[in-house]
Amino acid sequence: MKLPPKALALAGLMALGALVAMSYALHTMPPLHDYRFGVLLVLALVTARLKVQLPGLTGNMAVNLPFLLIAVAQLSMLEALMVVLPSCAVQCFPTGGGKPKPVQLIFNLSSKAVAVANLLGTHFALLGATSFFLVETIPLASIIRFTEGGAIHQIWASIAHYSFPFYVLSAGITSIARSATPQFGWQLPLVSLPVLYAIYRSYQSYFRVPSFGGRSPVEAL
């Protein structure tokens, strides 16, 4: 399906923002945090496949959000991008097989990169999660509007209705991880993994959509 010019322009604008974010992250690159970076990367990649289709919407939600927010809160910007972007790419691949469309992949990766950059210097978990949520969902609602029609405020409200409570929960987990002692802080993501799997199963049961494929220009939240 050929995307409308407005959708392509939005994808291009997000890609430009992502390039600026990556350039800044590389320019300010500090030493890597060995074990914390590795743990968060593995957990984010694994949980990126635990995703549920949002009813009535072209998009899905994965339960890896707490690990992404913890990466942004505890790691450098470059490390956070190295956790967020691969997990986003993994999430974009349809569960039933196949490959994501190039524009879809670029848009989702760019949205994540811009969202990470937007959190730079944010110290409050709830504020950070809210900012992350807005920077992700407003462009998503916009591109759905451009490709499928509908009122953008209604599309965004539907996304918020299903996904914002999980952002609040993720902010709580991030806040606990930030306030934990260094000896326990890196273990918290591991401890939260069963809880996130239970949430994933609950969403699956509630939405009554055990599996799905990706046929849309926009796949990932």
N, C-alpha and C. Protein backbone atom coordinates (compact mmCIF):
# COMPACT_ATOMS: atom_id res chain seq x y z
N MET A 1 0.84 -1.19 0.00
CA MET A 1 0.00 0.00 0.00
C MET A 1 0.88 1.25 0.00
N LYS A 2 0.57 2.15 -0.92
CA LYS A 2 1.33 3.38 -1.02
C LYS A 2 0.88 4.35 0.06
N LEU A 3 1.82 4.87 0.81
CA LEU A 3 1.48 5.77 1.89
C LEU A 3 1.20 7.17 1.36
N PRO A 4 0.27 7.90 1.97
CA PRO A 4 0.00 9.28 1.57
C PRO A 4 1.22 10.16 1.81
N PRO A 5 1.33 11.26 1.08
CA PRO A 5 2.48 12.16 1.25
C PRO A 5 2.64 12.67 2.68
N LYS A 6 1.52 12.95 3.36
CA LYS A 6 1.61 13.44 4.73
C LYS A 6 2.22 12.40 5.66
N ALA A 7 1.87 11.13 5.44
CA ALA A 7 2.43 10.06 6.26
C ALA A 7 3.93 9.92 6.01
N LEU A 8 4.33 10.01 4.73
CA LEU A 8 5.75 9.93 4.40
C LEU A 8 6.51 11.11 4.98
N ALA A 9 5.89 12.29 4.94
CA ALA A 9 6.54 13.48 5.50
C ALA A 9 6.73 13.34 7.00
N LEU A 10 5.73 12.80 7.68
CA LEU A 10 5.85 12.60 9.12
C LEU A 10 6.93 11.58 9.44
N ALA A 11 6.97 10.48 8.68
CA ALA A 11 8.01 9.48 8.89
C ALA A 11 9.40 10.09 8.66
N GLY A 12 9.53 10.93 7.63
CA GLY A 12 10.80 11.58 7.37
C GLY A 12 11.21 12.54 8.47
N LEU A 13 10.24 13.26 9.00
CA LEU A 13 10.52 14.19 10.09
C LEU A 13 10.99 13.44 11.34
N MET A 14 10.32 12.31 11.65
CA MET A 14 10.73 11.51 12.79
C MET A 14 12.12 10.92 12.59
N ALA A 15 12.42 10.50 11.36
CA ALA A 15 13.75 9.95 11.06
C ALA A 15 14.83 11.01 11.24
N LEU A 16 14.52 12.24 10.84
CA LEU A 16 15.48 13.33 11.03
C LEU A 16 15.73 13.58 12.51
N GLY A 17 14.67 13.56 13.30
CA GLY A 17 14.83 13.70 14.74
C GLY A 17 15.65 12.58 15.34
N ALA A 18 15.46 11.37 14.83
CA ALA A 18 16.22 10.23 15.32
C ALA A 18 17.71 10.37 15.00
N LEU A 19 18.02 10.87 13.81
CA LEU A 19 19.42 11.07 13.43
C LEU A 19 20.09 12.11 14.33
N VAL A 20 19.37 13.15 14.67
CA VAL A 20 19.90 14.16 15.58
C VAL A 20 20.15 13.54 16.96
N ALA A 21 19.22 12.73 17.43
CA ALA A 21 19.37 12.08 18.73
C ALA A 21 20.58 11.14 18.74
N MET A 22 20.74 10.35 17.68
CA MET A 22 21.86 9.42 17.60
C MET A 22 23.18 10.18 17.53
N SER A 23 23.21 11.26 16.78
CA SER A 23 24.44 12.05 16.66
C SER A 23 24.85 12.62 18.01
N TYR A 24 23.87 13.13 18.74
CA TYR A 24 24.17 13.69 20.06
C TYR A 24 24.64 12.60 21.01
N ALA A 25 24.00 11.42 20.96
CA ALA A 25 24.38 10.32 21.84
C ALA A 25 25.81 9.86 21.56
N LEU A 26 26.18 9.79 20.30
CA LEU A 26 27.54 9.39 19.95
C LEU A 26 28.55 10.45 20.35
N HIS A 27 28.17 11.71 20.22
CA HIS A 27 29.08 12.81 20.57
C HIS A 27 29.35 12.87 22.07
N THR A 28 28.37 12.48 22.86
CA THR A 28 28.51 12.55 24.33
C THR A 28 28.70 11.18 24.95
N MET A 29 29.21 10.23 24.19
CA MET A 29 29.29 8.84 24.63
C MET A 29 30.23 8.67 25.84
N PRO A 30 29.71 8.18 26.98
CA PRO A 30 30.55 7.90 28.14
C PRO A 30 30.93 6.41 28.16
N PRO A 31 31.71 5.96 29.13
CA PRO A 31 31.99 4.52 29.25
C PRO A 31 30.70 3.73 29.46
N LEU A 32 30.68 2.50 28.95
CA LEU A 32 29.49 1.66 29.06
C LEU A 32 29.33 1.08 30.46
N HIS A 33 28.08 0.90 30.88
CA HIS A 33 27.77 0.23 32.14
C HIS A 33 27.61 -1.27 31.83
N ASP A 34 28.62 -2.03 32.03
CA ASP A 34 28.67 -3.43 31.60
C ASP A 34 27.42 -4.26 31.91
N TYR A 35 27.24 -4.69 33.17
CA TYR A 35 26.20 -5.66 33.49
C TYR A 35 24.80 -5.07 33.40
N ARG A 36 24.61 -3.83 33.81
CA ARG A 36 23.27 -3.24 33.75
C ARG A 36 22.79 -3.13 32.31
N PHE A 37 23.67 -2.69 31.44
CA PHE A 37 23.32 -2.57 30.03
C PHE A 37 22.96 -3.94 29.46
N GLY A 38 23.77 -4.95 29.75
CA GLY A 38 23.54 -6.29 29.21
C GLY A 38 22.23 -6.89 29.70
N VAL A 39 21.96 -6.75 31.01
CA VAL A 39 20.73 -7.30 31.58
C VAL A 39 19.51 -6.65 30.95
N LEU A 40 19.51 -5.32 30.87
CA LEU A 40 18.35 -4.61 30.33
C LEU A 40 18.16 -4.90 28.84
N LEU A 41 19.24 -5.03 28.10
CA LEU A 41 19.13 -5.33 26.68
C LEU A 41 18.49 -6.70 26.45
N VAL A 42 18.95 -7.71 27.18
CA VAL A 42 18.40 -9.05 27.03
C VAL A 42 16.92 -9.08 27.41
N LEU A 43 16.58 -8.48 28.54
CA LEU A 43 15.19 -8.49 28.99
C LEU A 43 14.29 -7.71 28.03
N ALA A 44 14.76 -6.59 27.52
CA ALA A 44 13.96 -5.80 26.58
C ALA A 44 13.73 -6.57 25.28
N LEU A 45 14.74 -7.29 24.81
CA LEU A 45 14.59 -8.07 23.58
C LEU A 45 13.61 -9.23 23.78
N VAL A 46 13.72 -9.90 24.91
CA VAL A 46 12.83 -11.05 25.17
C VAL A 46 11.37 -10.60 25.29
N THR A 47 11.13 -9.56 26.07
CA THR A 47 9.76 -9.12 26.32
C THR A 47 9.18 -8.33 25.15
N ALA A 48 10.01 -7.95 24.17
CA ALA A 48 9.48 -7.26 22.99
C ALA A 48 8.53 -8.15 22.20
N ARG A 49 8.67 -9.46 22.34
CA ARG A 49 7.78 -10.38 21.64
C ARG A 49 6.50 -10.65 22.40
N LEU A 50 6.42 -10.18 23.65
CA LEU A 50 5.19 -10.32 24.43
C LEU A 50 4.34 -9.09 24.16
N LYS A 51 3.57 -9.14 23.11
CA LYS A 51 2.82 -7.97 22.66
C LYS A 51 1.37 -8.35 22.40
N VAL A 52 0.51 -7.38 22.57
CA VAL A 52 -0.92 -7.60 22.36
C VAL A 52 -1.45 -6.55 21.38
N GLN A 53 -2.38 -6.98 20.55
CA GLN A 53 -3.03 -6.07 19.62
C GLN A 53 -4.03 -5.20 20.36
N LEU A 54 -3.98 -3.91 20.12
CA LEU A 54 -4.94 -2.99 20.73
C LEU A 54 -6.25 -3.04 19.94
N PRO A 55 -7.36 -3.32 20.60
CA PRO A 55 -8.64 -3.50 19.89
C PRO A 55 -9.04 -2.26 19.09
N GLY A 56 -9.39 -2.51 17.83
CA GLY A 56 -9.88 -1.44 16.98
C GLY A 56 -8.82 -0.49 16.48
N LEU A 57 -7.54 -0.79 16.75
CA LEU A 57 -6.46 0.12 16.38
C LEU A 57 -5.41 -0.61 15.57
N THR A 58 -4.73 0.13 14.73
CA THR A 58 -3.59 -0.40 14.00
C THR A 58 -2.35 -0.18 14.85
N GLY A 59 -2.06 -1.14 15.70
CA GLY A 59 -0.91 -1.00 16.59
C GLY A 59 -0.96 -2.05 17.67
N ASN A 60 0.16 -2.23 18.33
CA ASN A 60 0.21 -3.19 19.43
C ASN A 60 1.06 -2.63 20.56
N MET A 61 1.00 -3.30 21.67
CA MET A 61 1.75 -2.86 22.85
C MET A 61 2.52 -4.04 23.40
N ALA A 62 3.82 -3.84 23.64
CA ALA A 62 4.66 -4.87 24.25
C ALA A 62 4.89 -4.51 25.71
N VAL A 63 5.22 -5.54 26.51
CA VAL A 63 5.39 -5.32 27.95
C VAL A 63 6.83 -5.02 28.32
N ASN A 64 7.65 -4.64 27.35
CA ASN A 64 9.04 -4.34 27.65
C ASN A 64 9.25 -2.89 28.10
N LEU A 65 8.18 -2.12 28.20
CA LEU A 65 8.31 -0.70 28.52
C LEU A 65 9.08 -0.42 29.81
N PRO A 66 8.85 -1.15 30.92
CA PRO A 66 9.63 -0.85 32.13
C PRO A 66 11.14 -0.93 31.91
N PHE A 67 11.57 -1.90 31.12
CA PHE A 67 13.00 -2.04 30.87
C PHE A 67 13.53 -0.89 30.03
N LEU A 68 12.71 -0.38 29.13
CA LEU A 68 13.13 0.77 28.32
C LEU A 68 13.25 2.01 29.19
N LEU A 69 12.29 2.22 30.08
CA LEU A 69 12.34 3.39 30.96
C LEU A 69 13.49 3.29 31.95
N ILE A 70 13.75 2.10 32.46
CA ILE A 70 14.88 1.91 33.38
C ILE A 70 16.18 2.19 32.66
N ALA A 71 16.28 1.75 31.41
CA ALA A 71 17.50 2.02 30.63
C ALA A 71 17.71 3.51 30.46
N VAL A 72 16.63 4.24 30.16
CA VAL A 72 16.75 5.68 29.99
C VAL A 72 17.12 6.35 31.31
N ALA A 73 16.57 5.83 32.42
CA ALA A 73 16.80 6.46 33.72
C ALA A 73 18.19 6.16 34.27
N GLN A 74 18.76 4.99 33.98
CA GLN A 74 19.98 4.56 34.65
C GLN A 74 21.21 4.54 33.75
N LEU A 75 21.02 4.51 32.45
CA LEU A 75 22.14 4.40 31.53
C LEU A 75 22.37 5.72 30.79
N SER A 76 23.45 5.77 30.04
CA SER A 76 23.69 6.93 29.20
C SER A 76 22.70 6.93 28.04
N MET A 77 22.63 8.05 27.35
CA MET A 77 21.71 8.15 26.22
C MET A 77 22.03 7.13 25.14
N LEU A 78 23.31 6.95 24.86
CA LEU A 78 23.70 5.98 23.83
C LEU A 78 23.32 4.57 24.25
N GLU A 79 23.59 4.22 25.51
CA GLU A 79 23.22 2.88 25.98
C GLU A 79 21.71 2.68 25.95
N ALA A 80 20.98 3.72 26.34
CA ALA A 80 19.52 3.62 26.30
C ALA A 80 19.03 3.37 24.88
N LEU A 81 19.60 4.07 23.91
CA LEU A 81 19.23 3.85 22.51
C LEU A 81 19.60 2.44 22.06
N MET A 82 20.73 1.93 22.57
CA MET A 82 21.16 0.58 22.20
C MET A 82 20.28 -0.50 22.83
N VAL A 83 19.53 -0.15 23.85
CA VAL A 83 18.54 -1.06 24.43
C VAL A 83 17.19 -0.89 23.74
N VAL A 84 16.78 0.35 23.55
CA VAL A 84 15.44 0.66 23.04
C VAL A 84 15.29 0.28 21.57
N LEU A 85 16.24 0.65 20.72
CA LEU A 85 16.07 0.48 19.28
C LEU A 85 16.06 -0.99 18.85
N PRO A 86 16.98 -1.85 19.32
CA PRO A 86 16.88 -3.26 18.92
C PRO A 86 15.59 -3.92 19.40
N SER A 87 15.14 -3.58 20.61
CA SER A 87 13.91 -4.19 21.11
C SER A 87 12.71 -3.71 20.29
N CYS A 88 12.74 -2.45 19.85
CA CYS A 88 11.67 -1.94 18.99
C CYS A 88 11.67 -2.68 17.66
N ALA A 89 12.85 -2.93 17.10
CA ALA A 89 12.94 -3.66 15.83
C ALA A 89 12.38 -5.07 15.98
N VAL A 90 12.69 -5.72 17.09
CA VAL A 90 12.17 -7.07 17.35
C VAL A 90 10.65 -7.03 17.47
N GLN A 91 10.12 -6.01 18.13
CA GLN A 91 8.67 -5.89 18.29
C GLN A 91 7.96 -5.68 16.96
N CYS A 92 8.62 -5.05 16.01
CA CYS A 92 7.99 -4.72 14.73
C CYS A 92 7.75 -5.96 13.87
N PHE A 93 8.48 -7.03 14.09
CA PHE A 93 8.30 -8.22 13.26
C PHE A 93 6.99 -8.92 13.65
N PRO A 94 6.12 -9.19 12.67
CA PRO A 94 4.83 -9.82 12.97
C PRO A 94 5.00 -11.17 13.65
N THR A 95 4.10 -11.48 14.55
CA THR A 95 4.15 -12.74 15.28
C THR A 95 3.96 -13.93 14.35
N GLY A 96 3.12 -13.78 13.34
CA GLY A 96 2.84 -14.90 12.44
C GLY A 96 3.87 -15.09 11.35
N GLY A 97 4.96 -14.35 11.38
CA GLY A 97 5.98 -14.45 10.34
C GLY A 97 5.93 -13.27 9.39
N GLY A 98 6.93 -13.17 8.54
CA GLY A 98 7.00 -12.06 7.61
C GLY A 98 7.92 -10.96 8.10
N LYS A 99 8.00 -9.92 7.32
CA LYS A 99 8.88 -8.81 7.64
C LYS A 99 8.09 -7.50 7.71
N PRO A 100 8.53 -6.59 8.56
CA PRO A 100 7.87 -5.28 8.59
C PRO A 100 8.24 -4.48 7.35
N LYS A 101 7.37 -3.56 6.98
CA LYS A 101 7.67 -2.70 5.85
C LYS A 101 8.75 -1.70 6.24
N PRO A 102 9.63 -1.35 5.29
CA PRO A 102 10.74 -0.43 5.62
C PRO A 102 10.28 0.88 6.25
N VAL A 103 9.23 1.51 5.67
CA VAL A 103 8.77 2.78 6.22
C VAL A 103 8.22 2.58 7.63
N GLN A 104 7.52 1.48 7.85
CA GLN A 104 7.01 1.14 9.18
C GLN A 104 8.13 1.01 10.19
N LEU A 105 9.18 0.29 9.80
CA LEU A 105 10.31 0.08 10.69
C LEU A 105 11.03 1.39 11.00
N ILE A 106 11.25 2.19 9.97
CA ILE A 106 11.93 3.47 10.15
C ILE A 106 11.12 4.38 11.08
N PHE A 107 9.81 4.43 10.86
CA PHE A 107 8.96 5.30 11.67
C PHE A 107 9.00 4.88 13.13
N ASN A 108 8.88 3.58 13.39
CA ASN A 108 8.85 3.11 14.78
C ASN A 108 10.18 3.30 15.48
N LEU A 109 11.28 3.00 14.79
CA LEU A 109 12.60 3.21 15.38
C LEU A 109 12.84 4.70 15.64
N SER A 110 12.42 5.53 14.71
CA SER A 110 12.62 6.97 14.87
C SER A 110 11.79 7.51 16.03
N SER A 111 10.56 7.04 16.16
CA SER A 111 9.70 7.48 17.26
C SER A 111 10.33 7.14 18.60
N LYS A 112 10.88 5.94 18.70
CA LYS A 112 11.52 5.53 19.94
C LYS A 112 12.75 6.38 20.23
N ALA A 113 13.56 6.65 19.21
CA ALA A 113 14.77 7.45 19.42
C ALA A 113 14.42 8.86 19.87
N VAL A 114 13.41 9.45 19.25
CA VAL A 114 12.99 10.80 19.63
C VAL A 114 12.44 10.79 21.06
N ALA A 115 11.70 9.73 21.42
CA ALA A 115 11.15 9.63 22.77
C ALA A 115 12.26 9.52 23.81
N VAL A 116 13.30 8.75 23.50
CA VAL A 116 14.45 8.63 24.41
C VAL A 116 15.13 9.99 24.57
N ALA A 117 15.37 10.67 23.47
CA ALA A 117 16.03 11.98 23.53
C ALA A 117 15.20 12.98 24.32
N ASN A 118 13.90 12.86 24.22
CA ASN A 118 13.01 13.79 24.92
C ASN A 118 13.09 13.62 26.44
N LEU A 119 13.51 12.43 26.89
CA LEU A 119 13.61 12.17 28.32
C LEU A 119 14.95 12.60 28.91
N LEU A 120 15.85 13.09 28.08
CA LEU A 120 17.16 13.50 28.56
C LEU A 120 17.02 14.59 29.62
N GLY A 121 17.53 14.32 30.81
CA GLY A 121 17.47 15.28 31.89
C GLY A 121 16.21 15.21 32.72
N THR A 122 15.29 14.28 32.40
CA THR A 122 14.07 14.12 33.19
C THR A 122 14.37 13.28 34.42
N HIS A 123 14.01 13.76 35.61
CA HIS A 123 14.37 13.08 36.86
C HIS A 123 13.17 12.42 37.54
N PHE A 124 11.97 12.69 37.10
CA PHE A 124 10.80 12.13 37.75
C PHE A 124 10.23 11.01 36.89
N ALA A 125 10.03 9.84 37.51
CA ALA A 125 9.62 8.66 36.76
C ALA A 125 8.27 8.85 36.08
N LEU A 126 7.28 9.37 36.81
CA LEU A 126 5.96 9.54 36.22
C LEU A 126 5.99 10.58 35.12
N LEU A 127 6.70 11.68 35.36
CA LEU A 127 6.83 12.71 34.33
C LEU A 127 7.53 12.14 33.10
N GLY A 128 8.56 11.34 33.33
CA GLY A 128 9.28 10.74 32.21
C GLY A 128 8.41 9.79 31.42
N ALA A 129 7.64 8.96 32.12
CA ALA A 129 6.76 8.01 31.44
C ALA A 129 5.68 8.74 30.65
N THR A 130 5.15 9.82 31.23
CA THR A 130 4.13 10.60 30.53
C THR A 130 4.71 11.25 29.28
N SER A 131 5.91 11.79 29.40
CA SER A 131 6.57 12.40 28.25
C SER A 131 6.84 11.37 27.17
N PHE A 132 7.35 10.20 27.58
CA PHE A 132 7.62 9.11 26.66
C PHE A 132 6.33 8.70 25.94
N PHE A 133 5.25 8.61 26.71
CA PHE A 133 3.95 8.23 26.17
C PHE A 133 3.47 9.23 25.12
N LEU A 134 3.56 10.51 25.42
CA LEU A 134 3.06 11.53 24.49
C LEU A 134 3.89 11.57 23.21
N VAL A 135 5.21 11.50 23.36
CA VAL A 135 6.08 11.58 22.18
C VAL A 135 5.90 10.37 21.27
N GLU A 136 5.54 9.22 21.86
CA GLU A 136 5.29 8.03 21.05
C GLU A 136 3.90 8.02 20.43
N THR A 137 2.90 8.33 21.21
CA THR A 137 1.52 8.10 20.77
C THR A 137 0.97 9.20 19.87
N ILE A 138 1.41 10.43 20.03
CA ILE A 138 0.90 11.49 19.16
C ILE A 138 1.33 11.27 17.71
N PRO A 139 2.62 10.99 17.42
CA PRO A 139 2.97 10.66 16.03
C PRO A 139 2.27 9.40 15.54
N LEU A 140 2.09 8.41 16.42
CA LEU A 140 1.40 7.18 16.02
C LEU A 140 -0.04 7.48 15.61
N ALA A 141 -0.74 8.24 16.44
CA ALA A 141 -2.12 8.60 16.11
C ALA A 141 -2.16 9.42 14.82
N SER A 142 -1.16 10.26 14.61
CA SER A 142 -1.12 11.10 13.41
C SER A 142 -0.96 10.26 12.15
N ILE A 143 -0.06 9.28 12.20
CA ILE A 143 0.17 8.50 10.98
C ILE A 143 -1.00 7.55 10.71
N ILE A 144 -1.67 7.09 11.77
CA ILE A 144 -2.90 6.31 11.56
C ILE A 144 -3.96 7.18 10.91
N ARG A 145 -4.04 8.42 11.36
CA ARG A 145 -4.98 9.37 10.77
C ARG A 145 -4.68 9.58 9.29
N PHE A 146 -3.41 9.72 8.93
CA PHE A 146 -3.04 9.96 7.55
C PHE A 146 -3.28 8.75 6.65
N THR A 147 -3.10 7.54 7.21
CA THR A 147 -3.19 6.33 6.39
C THR A 147 -4.58 5.69 6.39
N GLU A 148 -5.31 5.86 7.48
CA GLU A 148 -6.59 5.15 7.60
C GLU A 148 -7.78 6.08 7.82
N GLY A 149 -7.53 7.35 8.07
CA GLY A 149 -8.61 8.29 8.31
C GLY A 149 -9.06 8.28 9.76
N GLY A 150 -10.06 9.10 10.05
CA GLY A 150 -10.56 9.20 11.41
C GLY A 150 -10.09 10.47 12.08
N ALA A 151 -10.71 10.79 13.18
CA ALA A 151 -10.35 11.98 13.96
C ALA A 151 -9.14 11.67 14.83
N ILE A 152 -8.12 12.51 14.76
CA ILE A 152 -6.87 12.20 15.46
C ILE A 152 -7.08 12.16 16.97
N HIS A 153 -7.95 13.01 17.50
CA HIS A 153 -8.15 13.01 18.95
C HIS A 153 -8.85 11.73 19.41
N GLN A 154 -9.71 11.17 18.56
CA GLN A 154 -10.36 9.91 18.92
C GLN A 154 -9.39 8.74 18.83
N ILE A 155 -8.53 8.77 17.82
CA ILE A 155 -7.51 7.72 17.69
C ILE A 155 -6.57 7.76 18.89
N TRP A 156 -6.11 8.96 19.23
CA TRP A 156 -5.19 9.09 20.36
C TRP A 156 -5.87 8.68 21.67
N ALA A 157 -7.13 9.06 21.85
CA ALA A 157 -7.85 8.70 23.07
C ALA A 157 -7.99 7.19 23.20
N SER A 158 -8.20 6.49 22.08
CA SER A 158 -8.29 5.03 22.13
C SER A 158 -6.96 4.41 22.52
N ILE A 159 -5.87 4.93 21.97
CA ILE A 159 -4.54 4.44 22.34
C ILE A 159 -4.30 4.67 23.83
N ALA A 160 -4.61 5.87 24.30
CA ALA A 160 -4.38 6.22 25.71
C ALA A 160 -5.23 5.35 26.63
N HIS A 161 -6.46 5.07 26.23
CA HIS A 161 -7.36 4.29 27.07
C HIS A 161 -6.77 2.92 27.40
N TYR A 162 -6.16 2.29 26.41
CA TYR A 162 -5.65 0.94 26.61
C TYR A 162 -4.22 0.90 27.14
N SER A 163 -3.41 1.88 26.79
CA SER A 163 -1.99 1.77 27.08
C SER A 163 -1.48 2.64 28.23
N PHE A 164 -2.13 3.77 28.51
CA PHE A 164 -1.58 4.66 29.52
C PHE A 164 -1.49 4.04 30.92
N PRO A 165 -2.46 3.22 31.36
CA PRO A 165 -2.28 2.58 32.68
C PRO A 165 -1.00 1.77 32.78
N PHE A 166 -0.60 1.13 31.68
CA PHE A 166 0.64 0.36 31.72
C PHE A 166 1.85 1.28 31.79
N TYR A 167 1.77 2.46 31.19
CA TYR A 167 2.85 3.43 31.31
C TYR A 167 3.00 3.89 32.76
N VAL A 168 1.87 4.07 33.45
CA VAL A 168 1.93 4.47 34.86
C VAL A 168 2.58 3.36 35.69
N LEU A 169 2.18 2.11 35.44
CA LEU A 169 2.79 0.99 36.15
C LEU A 169 4.29 0.93 35.87
N SER A 170 4.66 1.12 34.62
CA SER A 170 6.08 1.10 34.24
C SER A 170 6.85 2.21 34.93
N ALA A 171 6.21 3.37 35.09
CA ALA A 171 6.85 4.46 35.80
C ALA A 171 7.10 4.08 37.26
N GLY A 172 6.17 3.36 37.87
CA GLY A 172 6.36 2.91 39.25
C GLY A 172 7.53 1.95 39.38
N ILE A 173 7.62 1.01 38.44
CA ILE A 173 8.75 0.06 38.46
C ILE A 173 10.07 0.79 38.26
N THR A 174 10.07 1.77 37.37
CA THR A 174 11.28 2.56 37.12
C THR A 174 11.68 3.35 38.37
N SER A 175 10.70 3.92 39.05
CA SER A 175 10.98 4.69 40.26
C SER A 175 11.59 3.80 41.34
N ILE A 176 11.06 2.59 41.50
CA ILE A 176 11.61 1.65 42.48
C ILE A 176 13.04 1.27 42.11
N ALA A 177 13.27 1.03 40.83
CA ALA A 177 14.61 0.65 40.37
C ALA A 177 15.61 1.77 40.63
N ARG A 178 15.20 3.02 40.45
CA ARG A 178 16.10 4.15 40.65
C ARG A 178 16.43 4.35 42.13
N SER A 179 15.47 4.05 43.00
CA SER A 179 15.68 4.28 44.43
C SER A 179 16.30 3.08 45.14
N ALA A 180 16.40 1.95 44.45
CA ALA A 180 16.97 0.75 45.07
C ALA A 180 18.47 0.91 45.26
N THR A 181 19.01 0.15 46.17
CA THR A 181 20.46 0.17 46.40
C THR A 181 21.17 -0.40 45.19
N PRO A 182 22.41 -0.04 44.94
CA PRO A 182 23.13 -0.57 43.79
C PRO A 182 23.20 -2.09 43.78
N GLN A 183 23.25 -2.71 44.98
CA GLN A 183 23.35 -4.16 45.04
C GLN A 183 22.08 -4.84 44.57
N PHE A 184 20.93 -4.18 44.75
CA PHE A 184 19.66 -4.80 44.38
C PHE A 184 19.07 -4.21 43.11
N GLY A 185 19.50 -3.00 42.75
CA GLY A 185 18.89 -2.30 41.64
C GLY A 185 18.93 -3.09 40.34
N TRP A 186 20.04 -3.76 40.04
CA TRP A 186 20.13 -4.48 38.77
C TRP A 186 19.31 -5.75 38.78
N GLN A 187 18.94 -6.25 39.98
CA GLN A 187 18.14 -7.47 40.07
C GLN A 187 16.65 -7.19 39.91
N LEU A 188 16.23 -5.96 40.12
CA LEU A 188 14.81 -5.63 40.05
C LEU A 188 14.20 -5.96 38.70
N PRO A 189 14.85 -5.64 37.58
CA PRO A 189 14.25 -6.04 36.30
C PRO A 189 14.00 -7.53 36.20
N LEU A 190 14.90 -8.34 36.74
CA LEU A 190 14.69 -9.78 36.72
C LEU A 190 13.49 -10.18 37.56
N VAL A 191 13.37 -9.55 38.73
CA VAL A 191 12.25 -9.86 39.62
C VAL A 191 10.92 -9.45 38.99
N SER A 192 10.92 -8.37 38.23
CA SER A 192 9.67 -7.88 37.64
C SER A 192 9.24 -8.67 36.41
N LEU A 193 10.10 -9.52 35.88
CA LEU A 193 9.78 -10.26 34.66
C LEU A 193 8.52 -11.12 34.81
N PRO A 194 8.37 -11.92 35.88
CA PRO A 194 7.13 -12.70 36.03
C PRO A 194 5.89 -11.83 36.13
N VAL A 195 6.03 -10.67 36.77
CA VAL A 195 4.88 -9.76 36.89
C VAL A 195 4.47 -9.25 35.51
N LEU A 196 5.44 -8.90 34.69
CA LEU A 196 5.14 -8.40 33.35
C LEU A 196 4.54 -9.50 32.48
N TYR A 197 4.98 -10.72 32.66
CA TYR A 197 4.39 -11.82 31.89
C TYR A 197 2.94 -12.03 32.29
N ALA A 198 2.65 -11.91 33.59
CA ALA A 198 1.27 -12.03 34.06
C ALA A 198 0.40 -10.92 33.48
N ILE A 199 0.95 -9.70 33.38
CA ILE A 199 0.22 -8.59 32.77
C ILE A 199 -0.05 -8.87 31.30
N TYR A 200 0.95 -9.40 30.62
CA TYR A 200 0.78 -9.75 29.21
C TYR A 200 -0.34 -10.76 29.03
N ARG A 201 -0.36 -11.79 29.87
CA ARG A 201 -1.42 -12.80 29.77
C ARG A 201 -2.78 -12.20 30.09
N SER A 202 -2.82 -11.27 31.02
CA SER A 202 -4.08 -10.62 31.37
C SER A 202 -4.60 -9.79 30.21
N TYR A 203 -3.71 -9.03 29.57
CA TYR A 203 -4.11 -8.25 28.40
C TYR A 203 -4.60 -9.17 27.28
N GLN A 204 -3.89 -10.26 27.07
CA GLN A 204 -4.30 -11.22 26.04
C GLN A 204 -5.70 -11.74 26.30
N SER A 205 -5.95 -12.13 27.54
CA SER A 205 -7.26 -12.66 27.90
C SER A 205 -8.34 -11.60 27.76
N TYR A 206 -8.02 -10.37 28.17
CA TYR A 206 -9.01 -9.29 28.13
C TYR A 206 -9.37 -8.92 26.69
N PHE A 207 -8.37 -8.85 25.83
CA PHE A 207 -8.61 -8.46 24.45
C PHE A 207 -9.08 -9.62 23.59
N ARG A 208 -8.92 -10.85 24.10
CA ARG A 208 -9.31 -12.04 23.35
C ARG A 208 -8.62 -12.13 21.99
N VAL A 209 -7.34 -11.72 21.96
CA VAL A 209 -6.56 -11.81 20.72
C VAL A 209 -5.24 -12.50 21.05
N PRO A 210 -5.20 -13.86 20.97
CA PRO A 210 -4.00 -14.59 21.35
C PRO A 210 -2.83 -14.41 20.41
N SER A 211 -3.09 -14.12 19.16
CA SER A 211 -1.99 -13.94 18.21
C SER A 211 -2.48 -13.08 17.07
N PHE A 212 -1.56 -12.47 16.37
CA PHE A 212 -1.93 -11.60 15.27
C PHE A 212 -0.76 -11.41 14.35
N GLY A 213 -1.05 -10.96 13.15
CA GLY A 213 -0.01 -10.65 12.19
C GLY A 213 0.06 -9.15 12.02
N GLY A 214 1.03 -8.71 11.26
CA GLY A 214 1.15 -7.27 11.07
C GLY A 214 0.97 -6.91 9.61
N ARG A 215 -0.12 -6.21 9.31
CA ARG A 215 -0.38 -5.84 7.92
C ARG A 215 -0.53 -4.33 7.79
N SER A 216 -0.09 -3.62 8.81
CA SER A 216 -0.33 -2.18 8.81
C SER A 216 0.96 -1.42 8.61
N PRO A 217 0.85 -0.16 8.24
CA PRO A 217 2.06 0.67 8.11
C PRO A 217 2.66 1.02 9.44
N VAL A 218 1.90 0.90 10.52
CA VAL A 218 2.41 1.19 11.83
C VAL A 218 2.13 0.00 12.72
N GLU A 219 3.15 -0.55 13.36
CA GLU A 219 2.98 -1.78 14.12
C GLU A 219 3.22 -1.59 15.59
N ALA A 220 4.27 -0.89 15.97
CA ALA A 220 4.70 -0.94 17.36
C ALA A 220 4.35 0.33 18.11
N LEU A 221 4.00 0.16 19.37
CA LEU A 221 3.92 1.27 20.29
C LEU A 221 5.24 1.39 21.01
